[in-house]
Protein backbone atom coordinates (compact mmCIF):
# COMPACT_ATOMS: atom_id res chain seq x y z
CA UNK A 1 -6.64 208.08 -200.90
CA UNK A 2 -9.14 210.13 -198.96
CA UNK A 3 -12.59 210.85 -200.29
CA UNK A 4 -14.49 214.12 -199.72
CA UNK A 5 -16.55 212.28 -197.10
CA UNK A 6 -13.38 211.23 -195.26
CA UNK A 7 -12.09 214.81 -195.44
CA UNK A 8 -15.32 216.03 -193.83
CA UNK A 9 -15.11 213.32 -191.14
CA UNK A 10 -11.52 214.27 -190.39
CA UNK A 11 -12.32 218.00 -190.23
CA UNK A 12 -15.32 217.36 -187.98
CA UNK A 13 -13.32 215.14 -185.62
CA UNK A 14 -10.39 217.56 -185.60
CA UNK A 15 -12.78 220.30 -184.50
CA UNK A 16 -14.30 218.05 -181.80
CA UNK A 17 -10.79 217.37 -180.47
CA UNK A 18 -10.54 221.05 -179.59
CA UNK A 19 -11.42 221.02 -175.92
CA UNK A 20 -11.21 223.38 -172.97
CA UNK A 21 -7.78 222.06 -171.92
CA UNK A 22 -4.72 222.56 -174.08
CA UNK A 23 -3.18 219.30 -172.85
CA UNK A 24 -6.23 217.34 -173.93
CA UNK A 25 -6.34 219.17 -177.28
CA UNK A 26 -2.77 218.14 -177.98
CA UNK A 27 -3.28 214.50 -176.94
CA UNK A 28 -6.47 213.98 -178.95
CA UNK A 29 -5.32 215.88 -182.03
CA UNK A 30 -2.00 214.03 -182.09
CA UNK A 31 -3.83 210.72 -181.99
CA UNK A 32 -6.28 211.72 -184.71
CA UNK A 33 -3.54 213.08 -186.97
CA UNK A 34 -1.45 209.95 -186.56
CA UNK A 35 -4.24 207.38 -186.87
CA UNK A 36 -7.10 208.75 -188.99
CA UNK A 37 -5.86 207.42 -192.33
CA UNK A 38 -5.78 203.85 -190.98
CA UNK A 39 -8.91 203.95 -188.81
CA UNK A 40 -11.80 201.72 -189.80
CA UNK A 41 -15.34 203.19 -189.84
CA UNK A 42 -16.15 201.42 -186.56
CA UNK A 43 -13.04 202.92 -184.92
CA UNK A 44 -14.05 206.38 -186.13
CA UNK A 45 -17.50 205.84 -184.64
CA UNK A 46 -16.02 204.74 -181.30
CA UNK A 47 -13.64 207.71 -181.26
CA UNK A 48 -16.57 210.04 -182.00
CA UNK A 49 -18.49 208.53 -179.08
CA UNK A 50 -15.44 208.86 -176.84
CA UNK A 51 -15.36 212.59 -177.56
CA UNK A 52 -18.78 212.98 -175.90
CA UNK A 53 -17.13 212.47 -172.51
CA UNK A 54 -16.27 215.45 -170.32
CA UNK A 55 -12.82 217.01 -170.54
CA UNK A 56 -11.99 215.96 -166.98
CA UNK A 57 -12.95 212.35 -167.66
CA UNK A 58 -11.01 212.18 -170.93
CA UNK A 59 -7.90 213.73 -169.38
CA UNK A 60 -8.04 211.32 -166.41
CA UNK A 61 -8.33 208.38 -168.81
CA UNK A 62 -5.58 209.61 -171.14
CA UNK A 63 -3.19 210.23 -168.25
CA UNK A 64 -4.00 206.89 -166.64
CA UNK A 65 -5.52 208.30 -163.46
CA UNK A 66 -8.76 206.44 -164.16
CA UNK A 67 -9.80 203.65 -166.50
CA UNK A 68 -12.91 203.62 -168.68
CA UNK A 69 -15.57 201.08 -167.78
CA UNK A 70 -16.42 200.03 -171.34
CA UNK A 71 -14.11 197.82 -173.37
CA UNK A 72 -14.39 199.93 -176.52
CA UNK A 73 -13.33 203.04 -174.54
CA UNK A 74 -10.47 201.11 -172.92
CA UNK A 75 -9.24 200.02 -176.35
CA UNK A 76 -9.22 203.54 -177.80
CA UNK A 77 -7.68 205.08 -174.70
CA UNK A 78 -4.92 202.45 -174.81
CA UNK A 79 -4.20 203.43 -178.43
CA UNK A 80 -4.25 207.14 -177.56
CA UNK A 81 -1.83 206.61 -174.69
CA UNK A 82 0.49 204.55 -176.90
CA UNK A 83 0.34 207.21 -179.61
CA UNK A 84 1.33 209.94 -177.17
CA UNK A 85 4.17 207.96 -175.60
CA UNK A 86 5.65 206.94 -178.97
């Protein structure tokens, strides 16, 4: 069961997933829609931090052209890529 706070977090993140590239919008929104209900607060925080990256960087990571340097980014990107390929 979602609380009003969780609804606000979801809405805020959904808005932040709207980027300048349609492909990236679709990838990030699909991941958020599929995973938000099961994400722990720390995972939400890491995802929020991930969204501060540039569109070009995020797309390169999500498509596997580049790999993030930080372990927490690598973990989330791995989950995003698995979510999209499923």
